[in-house]
Amino acid sequence: MSNDENWWRDAVIYQIYPRSFQDSSGDGVGDLPGITSRLDYVASLGVDAIWLSPVFTSPMADMGYDVSNYTDIDPLFGTLADFDALVARAHELGLKLIIDQVLSHTSSQHPWFEESRVSRDNAKSDWYVWANPKQDGSPPNNWPSVFGGSAWSWDSRRRQYYLHNFLGSQPDLNFHNGEVQDALLEVMRFWLERGVDGFRLDTVNFYFHDRQLRDNPPCLDEAAQHAVNPYEMQDHRHSKTQPENIAFLERMRTLTDGYSARMMVGEVGESLRAIEVMAEYTAGTGRLHMAYSFDMLGTPFSAQHFRSKIDGFFSGAPDGWPCWSFSNHDVMRHVSRWREHGHSDDAIAIQAAAMLLSFPGSICLYQGEELGQTETDIEFHELTDPPGITFWPDYKGRDGCRTPMVWSAQAEHGGFSQAKPWLPVKAPQAERSVDQQEGRDDSVLAFYRAMIALRKSHKALAGGAYGFVDLPEPVLGLWRGEGADALLCLFNLSPQERVLALDGTACALEQSRAARLDGSVLELGSNGFCLIAGDRDRLTVRVV
């Protein structure tokens, strides 16, 4: 396994959602031994690292993102010994392992909170965000919870409100307290000593809040005023993304820099200026190694959209580093989100892989994405996700992207478990199983493996410079690398054919079945794409 300090630059990271990867115990929930048993498959994709969603002790009100013990494994997933075995096997296969760290809040069952809520003068009384009510008994300000309702809950023992940006059972820690910062750094040290290669930092911009507890102003985006979730109707200027966050990121970086070849990637939960915050949090060499936002995890699917996000990041932080993804455990799977832009699900899946793996920066793939997996249609009685239950039916929650990995189309429950899974495996998902795609050159899985291999082997994609070509919608043109060794990546983001004219010597290195390069003419059929080896200084392209 590489000990390169910069292994994370241009890395391809594979996200595993433990509840839904592989069940080894027969309880219908995925676990650590199950993941370990499937690591050969993960390694066969050619990825560099695994991001493991939370497996820590938790009452599971938010599926592990409500931690009650930061330094132990929940029995649902196994033991610390199982975790150590997973790390060891991953390293044997040349895979780095990064773990989720949910530091902005804990579970209300965490001993820290249980002590804090007892009184206003105990040793941990200031470890969480407590505030007096207004004179009329209402919450101290207008901050909403991401999951619905107020971000403040009343505690009858302290006669005060406590802050929770998510569920009421997920109280926010008070990062203005230095002892809290110290305690969380020790949590990170515990896992670094255990051999993890880095951290995915959940809601990294939520750590600090405005000390004055000022009301948030309304969001001036007209579309926000018609949102399903009223959280979108505010500009969260005071409840998150505070300037004090930077100093704590620097403390975290100092800690990780004390260990060899470790990294941190932060999730920026910010709707109005996500790219700007990503750039700010990764600028220089003393903050996060990488950051990602939800800007490519939404519905926009256009050349201008993707171009603006990439250009926006690198212009704001030329010495920073982004991590891009199209799907994760919090959003509808991208094949389903972008279905209207393609003639088939496979066409969207394969084009998305070619595009994402051509982007400058590091890449994160979500389990099942390499199969072209689609969103599961979850009925209300099958829901487990709190916001889905709250905002049904206009928002169905996150369960649809969290259903189990399908290993075998014919096996009961898709080969995920011998018992009824915690979420159902349905026919449309079973059709996209691993065993149905292995050995097929035309499968989505085969293309992912080929594209990952190309990204790692071609120096233009592995660390090369980038630049966009001015082409009309719906064609995205992206140069990677410089001079004679460059790659010109062209994508038709529509179901209608586009014809391009090339001036200069061109050789197709990778292309879709809907692409045909004949001399100086490139025909891009529905969702067609072509990666062309050519001299960046001599090859030009235009839409006919």
Protein backbone atom coordinates (compact mmCIF):
# COMPACT_ATOMS: atom_id res chain seq x y z
CA MET A 1 0.00 0.00 0.00
CA SER A 2 1.29 3.44 -0.95
CA ASN A 3 2.68 5.68 1.79
CA ASP A 4 2.62 8.70 -0.51
CA GLU A 5 1.60 11.69 1.61
CA ASN A 6 -0.51 12.97 -1.30
CA TRP A 7 -2.23 9.68 -2.16
CA TRP A 8 -5.61 11.41 -1.80
CA ARG A 9 -4.98 13.79 -4.71
CA ASP A 10 -6.88 12.43 -7.73
CA ALA A 11 -7.90 9.40 -5.65
CA VAL A 12 -11.06 7.44 -6.42
CA ILE A 13 -12.87 6.76 -3.14
CA TYR A 14 -15.65 4.17 -2.80
CA GLN A 15 -18.31 4.92 -0.21
CA ILE A 16 -19.67 1.95 1.72
CA TYR A 17 -22.93 2.34 3.63
CA PRO A 18 -22.42 -0.43 6.22
CA ARG A 19 -26.08 -1.17 6.94
CA SER A 20 -26.59 -2.06 3.29
CA PHE A 21 -23.40 -3.64 1.97
CA GLN A 22 -23.31 -7.23 3.26
CA ASP A 23 -24.96 -8.95 6.21
CA SER A 24 -22.90 -11.78 7.71
CA SER A 25 -24.84 -12.33 10.93
CA GLY A 26 -28.29 -12.98 9.49
CA ASP A 27 -30.10 -10.11 11.19
CA GLY A 28 -30.94 -8.23 7.99
CA VAL A 29 -28.42 -5.43 8.64
CA GLY A 30 -25.00 -5.16 7.04
CA ASP A 31 -21.95 -5.41 9.27
CA LEU A 32 -18.15 -5.17 9.38
CA PRO A 33 -17.38 -8.86 8.76
CA GLY A 34 -19.71 -8.66 5.78
CA ILE A 35 -17.78 -5.71 4.37
CA THR A 36 -14.48 -7.51 4.92
CA SER A 37 -15.79 -10.52 2.99
CA ARG A 38 -16.53 -8.28 -0.01
CA LEU A 39 -13.31 -6.26 -0.10
CA ASP A 40 -11.90 -8.28 -3.00
CA TYR A 41 -14.77 -7.00 -5.11
CA VAL A 42 -14.11 -3.41 -4.05
CA ALA A 43 -10.41 -3.78 -4.85
CA SER A 44 -11.30 -5.21 -8.29
CA LEU A 45 -12.88 -1.88 -9.22
CA GLY A 46 -9.45 -0.24 -9.10
CA VAL A 47 -10.41 2.34 -6.47
CA ASP A 48 -7.85 3.77 -4.07
CA ALA A 49 -9.80 4.03 -0.83
CA ILE A 50 -12.99 3.24 1.06
CA TRP A 51 -15.12 5.75 2.94
CA LEU A 52 -17.01 3.92 5.68
CA SER A 53 -20.20 5.59 6.93
CA PRO A 54 -20.62 5.57 10.75
CA VAL A 55 -20.33 2.28 12.62
CA PHE A 56 -19.98 3.74 16.14
CA THR A 57 -22.21 3.02 19.13
CA SER A 58 -25.55 4.68 18.47
CA PRO A 59 -29.27 4.40 19.24
CA MET A 60 -29.69 4.66 15.43
CA ALA A 61 -32.28 7.42 15.45
CA ASP A 62 -30.45 8.77 12.39
CA MET A 63 -28.86 5.50 11.30
CA GLY A 64 -25.57 6.02 13.13
CA TYR A 65 -25.19 9.75 12.61
CA ASP A 66 -26.23 10.10 16.27
CA VAL A 67 -23.18 8.82 18.13
CA SER A 68 -23.35 7.81 21.79
CA ASN A 69 -19.77 6.49 22.01
CA TYR A 70 -17.13 7.79 19.59
CA THR A 71 -14.54 5.14 20.41
CA ASP A 72 -16.42 1.86 20.10
CA ILE A 73 -18.31 -0.09 17.46
CA ASP A 74 -22.06 -0.59 17.69
CA PRO A 75 -22.88 -4.28 18.27
CA LEU A 76 -25.14 -4.10 15.23
CA PHE A 77 -22.01 -3.85 13.10
CA GLY A 78 -19.59 -5.97 15.15
CA THR A 79 -16.67 -5.26 17.46
CA LEU A 80 -13.45 -3.30 17.54
CA ALA A 81 -11.70 -6.54 16.63
CA ASP A 82 -13.90 -6.76 13.53
CA PHE A 83 -12.96 -3.20 12.68
CA ASP A 84 -9.26 -3.96 13.09
CA ALA A 85 -9.66 -6.97 10.79
CA LEU A 86 -11.34 -4.78 8.19
CA VAL A 87 -8.53 -2.23 8.31
CA ALA A 88 -5.91 -4.97 8.01
CA ARG A 89 -7.60 -6.64 5.05
CA ALA A 90 -8.15 -3.33 3.27
CA HIS A 91 -4.47 -2.49 3.65
CA GLU A 92 -3.48 -5.95 2.38
CA LEU A 93 -5.46 -5.20 -0.78
CA GLY A 94 -3.86 -1.79 -1.20
CA LEU A 95 -6.97 0.10 -0.12
CA LYS A 96 -6.92 3.10 2.18
CA LEU A 97 -9.72 3.33 4.76
CA ILE A 98 -11.32 6.58 5.85
CA ILE A 99 -14.09 6.76 8.42
CA ASP A 100 -16.97 9.13 9.03
CA GLN A 101 -16.56 11.49 11.96
CA VAL A 102 -19.80 13.08 13.12
CA LEU A 103 -18.39 15.82 15.32
CA SER A 104 -20.93 18.63 15.11
CA HIS A 105 -23.42 16.81 17.32
CA THR A 106 -23.81 13.68 19.41
CA SER A 107 -26.69 11.48 20.40
CA SER A 108 -28.76 12.70 23.35
CA GLN A 109 -27.73 9.36 24.91
CA HIS A 110 -24.05 10.28 24.87
CA PRO A 111 -22.71 10.52 28.46
CA TRP A 112 -21.51 14.06 27.72
CA PHE A 113 -25.04 15.25 27.05
CA GLU A 114 -26.57 13.26 29.86
CA GLU A 115 -24.23 15.09 32.25
CA SER A 116 -24.65 18.47 30.57
CA ARG A 117 -28.43 18.49 30.89
CA VAL A 118 -28.43 17.74 34.64
CA SER A 119 -27.66 21.31 35.73
CA ARG A 120 -26.19 24.63 34.64
CA ASP A 121 -23.06 24.27 36.77
CA ASN A 122 -21.70 20.75 36.22
CA ALA A 123 -18.37 19.95 34.53
CA LYS A 124 -19.98 19.58 31.11
CA SER A 125 -22.74 22.15 31.46
CA ASP A 126 -21.21 24.24 28.68
CA TRP A 127 -20.35 21.36 26.31
CA TYR A 128 -23.58 21.84 24.35
CA VAL A 129 -25.41 24.91 23.06
CA TRP A 130 -27.85 25.98 25.74
CA ALA A 131 -29.91 29.18 25.70
CA ASN A 132 -32.64 30.82 27.75
CA PRO A 133 -36.11 31.19 26.26
CA LYS A 134 -37.49 34.49 25.13
CA GLN A 135 -39.72 36.22 27.65
CA ASP A 136 -42.77 34.58 26.11
CA GLY A 137 -41.19 31.13 26.47
CA SER A 138 -40.45 30.68 22.77
CA PRO A 139 -37.06 29.53 21.41
CA PRO A 140 -34.17 32.02 21.47
CA ASN A 141 -34.21 32.60 17.70
CA ASN A 142 -35.67 31.49 14.37
CA TRP A 143 -33.16 28.77 13.47
CA PRO A 144 -34.86 25.71 11.94
CA SER A 145 -33.81 22.07 12.00
CA VAL A 146 -32.75 20.45 8.75
CA PHE A 147 -35.19 17.65 9.60
CA GLY A 148 -38.17 19.94 10.24
CA GLY A 149 -39.42 22.19 13.01
CA SER A 150 -37.34 24.39 15.28
CA ALA A 151 -33.64 23.72 15.88
CA TRP A 152 -34.33 24.25 19.58
CA SER A 153 -35.80 21.79 22.09
CA TRP A 154 -36.80 22.55 25.66
CA ASP A 155 -35.14 20.69 28.51
CA SER A 156 -37.23 20.80 31.67
CA ARG A 157 -34.32 20.04 34.01
CA ARG A 158 -32.17 22.97 32.98
CA ARG A 159 -35.16 25.18 32.10
CA GLN A 160 -33.34 26.01 28.89
CA TYR A 161 -33.40 25.23 25.20
CA TYR A 162 -30.64 23.23 23.53
CA LEU A 163 -29.64 23.50 19.88
CA HIS A 164 -29.97 20.63 17.41
CA ASN A 165 -29.53 21.27 13.71
CA PHE A 166 -30.97 17.83 13.01
CA LEU A 167 -33.13 15.62 15.25
CA GLY A 168 -34.00 16.61 18.79
CA SER A 169 -32.01 13.54 19.82
CA GLN A 170 -28.90 14.99 18.10
CA PRO A 171 -27.84 17.92 20.31
CA ASP A 172 -25.13 20.22 18.92
CA LEU A 173 -21.79 20.43 20.69
CA ASN A 174 -20.51 23.85 21.73
CA PHE A 175 -17.28 24.34 19.79
CA HIS A 176 -16.70 27.69 21.48
CA ASN A 177 -15.66 25.58 24.48
CA GLY A 178 -12.00 24.59 24.15
CA GLU A 179 -12.54 21.43 26.18
CA VAL A 180 -15.00 20.20 23.55
CA GLN A 181 -12.44 20.77 20.82
CA ASP A 182 -9.78 18.94 22.80
CA ALA A 183 -12.08 15.98 23.44
CA LEU A 184 -12.95 15.63 19.75
CA LEU A 185 -9.32 15.82 18.71
CA GLU A 186 -8.65 12.94 21.09
CA VAL A 187 -11.43 10.97 19.40
CA MET A 188 -9.70 11.49 16.07
CA ARG A 189 -6.36 10.49 17.61
CA PHE A 190 -7.92 7.23 18.86
CA TRP A 191 -8.80 6.19 15.31
CA LEU A 192 -5.55 7.44 13.80
CA GLU A 193 -3.69 5.26 16.27
CA ARG A 194 -5.91 2.38 15.17
CA GLY A 195 -4.64 2.73 11.63
CA VAL A 196 -7.32 4.60 9.71
CA ASP A 197 -6.03 6.62 6.77
CA GLY A 198 -8.27 9.61 7.25
CA PHE A 199 -11.67 11.07 7.94
CA ARG A 200 -14.78 12.10 6.11
CA LEU A 201 -16.06 14.97 8.24
CA ASP A 202 -19.83 15.13 8.41
CA THR A 203 -21.40 18.62 8.26
CA VAL A 204 -17.99 20.22 8.63
CA ASN A 205 -19.35 23.77 8.40
CA PHE A 206 -21.85 23.21 11.22
CA TYR A 207 -19.30 23.13 14.02
CA PHE A 208 -19.61 26.71 15.25
CA HIS A 209 -22.67 28.86 15.75
CA ASP A 210 -23.09 32.60 16.20
CA ARG A 211 -22.44 33.41 19.85
CA GLN A 212 -25.06 36.17 19.75
CA LEU A 213 -27.70 33.74 18.47
CA ARG A 214 -28.90 36.25 15.88
CA ASP A 215 -31.87 35.37 13.69
CA ASN A 216 -31.13 34.10 10.20
CA PRO A 217 -32.40 36.30 7.37
CA PRO A 218 -34.70 34.89 4.68
CA CYS A 219 -33.25 33.31 1.58
CA LEU A 220 -33.86 35.67 -1.32
CA ASP A 221 -33.92 32.90 -3.91
CA GLU A 222 -37.53 32.86 -5.10
CA ALA A 223 -37.50 29.08 -5.57
CA ALA A 224 -36.61 28.63 -1.90
CA GLN A 225 -39.90 30.16 -0.85
CA HIS A 226 -41.71 27.22 -2.45
CA ALA A 227 -39.51 24.51 -0.92
CA VAL A 228 -40.99 21.38 0.65
CA ASN A 229 -38.73 21.89 3.67
CA PRO A 230 -38.88 25.36 5.30
CA TYR A 231 -35.18 25.00 6.16
CA GLU A 232 -34.49 26.04 2.57
CA MET A 233 -36.30 29.33 3.12
CA GLN A 234 -33.50 30.81 5.24
CA ASP A 235 -30.03 32.12 4.58
CA HIS A 236 -28.25 30.25 7.39
CA ARG A 237 -25.83 33.07 8.00
CA HIS A 238 -25.63 32.69 11.76
CA SER A 239 -26.43 29.05 12.51
CA LYS A 240 -23.44 27.61 10.61
CA THR A 241 -20.34 28.41 8.50
CA GLN A 242 -18.92 30.77 11.12
CA PRO A 243 -15.41 32.29 10.83
CA GLU A 244 -14.23 30.51 13.99
CA ASN A 245 -14.47 27.24 12.09
CA ILE A 246 -11.20 27.91 10.28
CA ALA A 247 -9.07 27.82 13.44
CA PHE A 248 -10.50 24.44 14.43
CA LEU A 249 -9.88 23.02 10.96
CA GLU A 250 -6.27 24.10 11.41
CA ARG A 251 -6.08 22.26 14.74
CA MET A 252 -7.43 19.14 13.05
CA ARG A 253 -4.88 19.45 10.26
CA THR A 254 -2.04 19.79 12.77
CA LEU A 255 -3.21 16.55 14.38
CA THR A 256 -3.45 14.57 11.14
CA ASP A 257 -0.14 15.95 9.88
CA GLY A 258 1.47 14.26 12.87
CA TYR A 259 0.74 10.92 11.21
CA SER A 260 2.04 9.64 7.90
CA ALA A 261 -0.14 9.74 4.76
CA ARG A 262 -3.43 10.74 6.42
CA MET A 263 -6.16 12.99 5.04
CA MET A 264 -9.45 14.78 5.80
CA VAL A 265 -12.32 15.45 3.42
CA GLY A 266 -15.11 17.68 4.64
CA GLU A 267 -18.79 17.68 3.72
CA VAL A 268 -19.89 21.28 3.19
CA GLY A 269 -23.62 21.51 3.87
CA GLU A 270 -24.22 24.93 2.37
CA SER A 271 -26.72 25.81 -0.34
CA LEU A 272 -25.96 29.44 -1.16
CA ARG A 273 -22.16 29.54 -1.36
CA ALA A 274 -20.99 25.93 -1.19
CA ILE A 275 -18.18 26.25 -3.75
CA GLU A 276 -16.87 29.36 -2.00
CA VAL A 277 -16.81 27.55 1.36
CA MET A 278 -15.14 24.49 -0.20
CA ALA A 279 -12.43 26.77 -1.53
CA GLU A 280 -12.03 28.57 1.79
CA TYR A 281 -11.79 25.33 3.78
CA THR A 282 -9.10 23.80 1.54
CA ALA A 283 -7.02 26.91 0.79
CA GLY A 284 -3.31 26.57 1.56
CA THR A 285 -1.83 23.58 3.34
CA GLY A 286 -3.11 24.06 6.88
CA ARG A 287 -6.83 23.27 6.61
CA LEU A 288 -8.76 20.39 5.06
CA HIS A 289 -7.05 18.29 2.42
CA MET A 290 -10.28 18.19 0.40
CA ALA A 291 -13.93 19.24 0.58
CA TYR A 292 -17.10 18.42 -1.30
CA SER A 293 -20.54 19.94 -1.44
CA PHE A 294 -23.97 18.98 -2.75
CA ASP A 295 -23.58 21.10 -5.86
CA MET A 296 -23.21 18.05 -8.12
CA LEU A 297 -25.67 15.98 -6.07
CA GLY A 298 -28.78 17.80 -7.30
CA THR A 299 -30.94 17.89 -10.42
CA PRO A 300 -29.00 20.35 -12.67
CA PHE A 301 -27.51 18.48 -15.62
CA SER A 302 -25.91 20.88 -18.06
CA ALA A 303 -22.48 21.79 -19.37
CA GLN A 304 -22.73 25.22 -17.81
CA HIS A 305 -23.56 23.78 -14.40
CA PHE A 306 -20.64 21.38 -14.22
CA ARG A 307 -18.26 23.92 -15.70
CA SER A 308 -19.29 26.66 -13.27
CA LYS A 309 -18.74 24.45 -10.21
CA ILE A 310 -15.27 23.29 -11.26
CA ASP A 311 -14.12 26.73 -12.43
CA GLY A 312 -15.65 28.31 -9.32
CA PHE A 313 -13.65 26.09 -7.03
CA PHE A 314 -10.25 26.43 -8.70
CA SER A 315 -10.60 30.19 -9.17
CA GLY A 316 -11.44 30.56 -5.47
CA ALA A 317 -8.74 28.20 -4.20
CA PRO A 318 -6.07 27.57 -6.82
CA ASP A 319 -4.01 25.76 -4.17
CA GLY A 320 -7.00 23.90 -2.69
CA TRP A 321 -8.42 20.54 -3.71
CA PRO A 322 -12.00 19.39 -4.42
CA CYS A 323 -13.70 16.01 -4.22
CA TRP A 324 -16.60 15.50 -6.65
CA SER A 325 -19.43 13.00 -6.48
CA PHE A 326 -22.77 12.47 -8.21
CA SER A 327 -24.42 10.21 -5.59
CA ASN A 328 -24.21 9.38 -1.90
CA HIS A 329 -26.36 8.14 0.97
CA ASP A 330 -28.22 11.45 1.31
CA VAL A 331 -29.56 12.04 -2.20
CA MET A 332 -31.54 10.30 -4.93
CA ARG A 333 -29.27 8.17 -7.09
CA HIS A 334 -28.07 10.17 -10.08
CA VAL A 335 -29.29 7.73 -12.73
CA SER A 336 -32.83 8.37 -11.49
CA ARG A 337 -32.27 12.12 -10.98
CA TRP A 338 -31.01 12.64 -14.54
CA ARG A 339 -33.16 10.02 -16.31
CA GLU A 340 -35.00 12.62 -18.42
CA HIS A 341 -31.69 13.65 -20.02
CA GLY A 342 -30.95 10.22 -21.48
CA HIS A 343 -32.42 7.58 -23.74
CA SER A 344 -31.75 4.83 -21.19
CA ASP A 345 -30.59 4.35 -17.62
CA ASP A 346 -27.42 2.59 -18.79
CA ALA A 347 -26.58 5.47 -21.12
CA ILE A 348 -26.85 7.97 -18.26
CA ALA A 349 -24.88 5.69 -15.92
CA ILE A 350 -22.01 5.19 -18.35
CA GLN A 351 -21.85 8.81 -19.49
CA ALA A 352 -21.89 10.00 -15.86
CA ALA A 353 -18.97 7.68 -15.05
CA ALA A 354 -16.94 8.96 -18.00
CA MET A 355 -17.65 12.56 -17.09
CA LEU A 356 -17.06 12.31 -13.33
CA LEU A 357 -13.84 10.33 -13.74
CA SER A 358 -12.56 12.94 -16.19
CA PHE A 359 -12.99 15.83 -13.76
CA PRO A 360 -9.97 17.44 -12.08
CA GLY A 361 -9.89 16.68 -8.37
CA SER A 362 -10.63 13.55 -6.39
CA ILE A 363 -13.70 11.41 -6.97
CA CYS A 364 -16.12 9.64 -4.66
CA LEU A 365 -18.31 6.78 -5.88
CA TYR A 366 -21.28 5.49 -3.90
CA GLN A 367 -21.83 1.75 -3.56
CA GLY A 368 -23.98 0.42 -6.41
CA GLU A 369 -23.19 3.41 -8.60
CA GLU A 370 -20.80 1.18 -10.54
CA LEU A 371 -23.80 -1.03 -11.39
CA GLY A 372 -25.90 1.85 -12.68
CA GLN A 373 -28.15 1.32 -9.68
CA THR A 374 -31.40 3.30 -9.59
CA GLU A 375 -33.46 4.79 -6.77
CA THR A 376 -35.72 2.31 -4.97
CA ASP A 377 -39.40 3.26 -4.80
CA ILE A 378 -40.07 3.18 -1.06
CA GLU A 379 -43.62 3.07 0.25
CA PHE A 380 -44.57 4.98 3.39
CA HIS A 381 -44.88 1.87 5.55
CA GLU A 382 -41.33 0.88 4.57
CA LEU A 383 -39.72 4.19 5.59
CA THR A 384 -37.11 4.46 8.33
CA ASP A 385 -35.69 7.90 7.49
CA PRO A 386 -36.94 10.71 9.80
CA PRO A 387 -37.14 13.54 7.22
CA GLY A 388 -38.85 11.21 4.77
CA ILE A 389 -41.54 10.48 7.35
CA THR A 390 -41.89 14.19 8.17
CA PHE A 391 -42.10 15.52 4.62
CA TRP A 392 -43.90 12.64 2.87
CA PRO A 393 -45.04 12.44 0.08
CA ASP A 394 -43.35 15.37 -1.69
CA TYR A 395 -40.03 14.31 -0.17
CA LYS A 396 -39.65 10.59 0.31
CA GLY A 397 -36.44 10.74 2.32
CA ARG A 398 -33.13 9.00 1.83
CA ASP A 399 -34.13 5.36 2.14
CA GLY A 400 -34.50 4.98 -1.63
CA CYS A 401 -30.75 5.31 -2.14
CA ARG A 402 -29.83 3.25 0.93
CA THR A 403 -31.37 -0.10 0.00
CA PRO A 404 -29.06 -3.13 0.11
CA MET A 405 -26.32 -3.88 -2.37
CA VAL A 406 -27.46 -6.52 -4.86
CA TRP A 407 -24.87 -9.23 -5.36
CA SER A 408 -26.96 -11.95 -6.98
CA ALA A 409 -30.13 -11.43 -9.01
CA GLN A 410 -31.56 -14.87 -8.22
CA ALA A 411 -30.60 -15.12 -4.55
CA GLU A 412 -33.14 -14.20 -1.91
CA HIS A 413 -32.74 -10.55 -0.92
CA GLY A 414 -30.17 -10.14 -3.68
CA GLY A 415 -27.51 -12.09 -1.80
CA PHE A 416 -27.28 -9.32 0.79
CA SER A 417 -28.73 -11.31 3.68
CA GLN A 418 -30.45 -14.59 4.52
CA ALA A 419 -32.98 -12.63 6.58
CA LYS A 420 -35.46 -9.92 5.64
CA PRO A 421 -33.32 -6.80 5.10
CA TRP A 422 -33.85 -3.58 7.02
CA LEU A 423 -34.86 -2.02 3.70
CA PRO A 424 -36.32 -4.01 0.81
CA VAL A 425 -34.55 -5.28 -2.30
CA LYS A 426 -36.98 -4.73 -5.16
CA ALA A 427 -37.04 -6.08 -8.70
CA PRO A 428 -35.65 -3.01 -10.53
CA GLN A 429 -32.62 -3.03 -8.23
CA ALA A 430 -32.19 -6.83 -8.38
CA GLU A 431 -31.89 -6.58 -12.16
CA ARG A 432 -28.69 -4.56 -11.69
CA SER A 433 -26.84 -7.13 -9.64
CA VAL A 434 -23.11 -7.75 -9.61
CA ASP A 435 -23.43 -11.30 -10.95
CA GLN A 436 -25.52 -10.13 -13.92
CA GLN A 437 -22.78 -7.71 -14.95
CA GLU A 438 -19.57 -9.61 -14.19
CA GLY A 439 -17.91 -10.85 -17.36
CA ARG A 440 -20.00 -8.67 -19.67
CA ASP A 441 -17.96 -6.18 -21.67
CA ASP A 442 -21.04 -4.02 -22.32
CA SER A 443 -22.04 -3.67 -18.66
CA VAL A 444 -21.95 -0.54 -16.55
CA LEU A 445 -19.63 -2.37 -14.16
CA ALA A 446 -17.14 -3.15 -16.93
CA PHE A 447 -17.12 0.48 -18.01
CA TYR A 448 -16.45 1.74 -14.49
CA ARG A 449 -13.48 -0.59 -14.17
CA ALA A 450 -12.13 0.50 -17.56
CA MET A 451 -12.63 4.19 -16.86
CA ILE A 452 -11.03 4.00 -13.41
CA ALA A 453 -8.06 2.19 -14.96
CA LEU A 454 -7.76 4.87 -17.64
CA ARG A 455 -7.91 7.64 -15.06
CA LYS A 456 -5.11 6.04 -13.06
CA SER A 457 -2.89 5.22 -16.05
CA HIS A 458 -3.15 8.36 -18.19
CA LYS A 459 -1.10 11.23 -16.83
CA ALA A 460 -3.49 13.82 -18.27
CA LEU A 461 -6.24 12.47 -15.98
CA ALA A 462 -3.96 11.66 -13.05
CA GLY A 463 -3.05 15.13 -11.90
CA GLY A 464 -3.13 16.88 -15.25
CA ALA A 465 -4.18 20.48 -15.80
CA TYR A 466 -7.67 21.23 -17.07
CA GLY A 467 -9.52 23.75 -19.20
CA PHE A 468 -13.00 24.00 -20.70
CA VAL A 469 -13.83 24.44 -24.35
CA ASP A 470 -16.43 27.04 -25.30
CA LEU A 471 -19.15 24.92 -26.86
CA PRO A 472 -22.94 25.44 -26.92
CA GLU A 473 -25.29 23.39 -24.76
CA PRO A 474 -25.72 20.50 -24.40
CA VAL A 475 -22.09 19.71 -25.25
CA LEU A 476 -19.48 19.77 -22.48
CA GLY A 477 -15.89 20.05 -23.65
CA LEU A 478 -13.05 19.53 -21.18
CA TRP A 479 -9.30 19.44 -21.79
CA ARG A 480 -7.17 17.43 -19.40
CA GLY A 481 -3.39 17.74 -19.49
CA GLU A 482 -1.27 19.98 -21.67
CA GLY A 483 0.57 19.90 -24.99
CA ALA A 484 0.82 16.79 -27.14
CA ASP A 485 -0.17 14.41 -24.30
CA ALA A 486 -3.53 16.04 -23.56
CA LEU A 487 -7.00 14.52 -23.63
CA LEU A 488 -10.05 16.26 -25.07
CA CYS A 489 -13.18 14.96 -23.31
CA LEU A 490 -16.44 15.65 -25.14
CA PHE A 491 -19.91 14.82 -23.79
CA ASN A 492 -23.34 15.20 -25.35
CA LEU A 493 -25.61 15.77 -22.35
CA SER A 494 -28.83 15.08 -24.23
CA PRO A 495 -30.78 12.34 -26.03
CA GLN A 496 -30.43 14.17 -29.38
CA GLU A 497 -27.45 13.66 -31.68
CA ARG A 498 -24.79 16.37 -31.97
CA VAL A 499 -22.13 16.55 -34.66
CA LEU A 500 -18.75 18.17 -33.99
CA ALA A 501 -15.98 19.14 -36.35
CA LEU A 502 -12.35 18.62 -35.30
CA ASP A 503 -9.43 20.50 -36.77
CA GLY A 504 -6.17 18.68 -36.07
CA THR A 505 -4.97 15.15 -35.45
CA ALA A 506 -7.28 13.20 -33.13
CA CYS A 507 -7.37 9.63 -31.85
CA ALA A 508 -10.29 8.23 -29.83
CA LEU A 509 -8.97 6.75 -26.58
CA GLU A 510 -12.32 5.91 -24.97
CA GLN A 511 -15.83 6.42 -26.30
CA SER A 512 -19.42 5.34 -25.93
CA ARG A 513 -21.23 3.13 -28.40
CA ALA A 514 -23.17 6.23 -29.41
CA ALA A 515 -19.98 8.01 -30.57
CA ARG A 516 -18.29 7.75 -33.97
CA LEU A 517 -15.09 9.55 -34.89
CA ASP A 518 -14.46 9.58 -38.65
CA GLY A 519 -11.47 11.74 -39.53
CA SER A 520 -12.42 15.29 -38.63
CA VAL A 521 -16.08 14.55 -37.85
CA LEU A 522 -17.29 13.35 -34.45
CA GLU A 523 -20.86 12.15 -34.20
CA LEU A 524 -22.15 12.07 -30.64
CA GLY A 525 -25.41 10.19 -30.44
CA SER A 526 -27.75 10.15 -27.48
CA ASN A 527 -25.58 10.66 -24.35
CA GLY A 528 -22.54 10.01 -26.51
CA PHE A 529 -19.04 10.89 -25.40
CA CYS A 530 -15.51 10.56 -26.65
CA LEU A 531 -12.13 10.99 -24.96
CA ILE A 532 -9.69 12.05 -27.63
CA ALA A 533 -5.89 12.00 -27.48
CA GLY A 534 -4.58 15.11 -29.18
CA ASP A 535 -2.32 18.13 -28.97
CA ARG A 536 -4.04 20.78 -26.91
CA ASP A 537 -2.19 23.50 -28.79
CA ARG A 538 -3.15 22.18 -32.23
CA LEU A 539 -6.55 20.50 -31.94
CA THR A 540 -9.74 22.58 -32.04
CA VAL A 541 -13.40 21.58 -31.97
CA ARG A 542 -16.74 23.16 -32.86
CA VAL A 543 -20.35 22.06 -33.06
CA VAL A 544 -21.60 21.77 -36.64
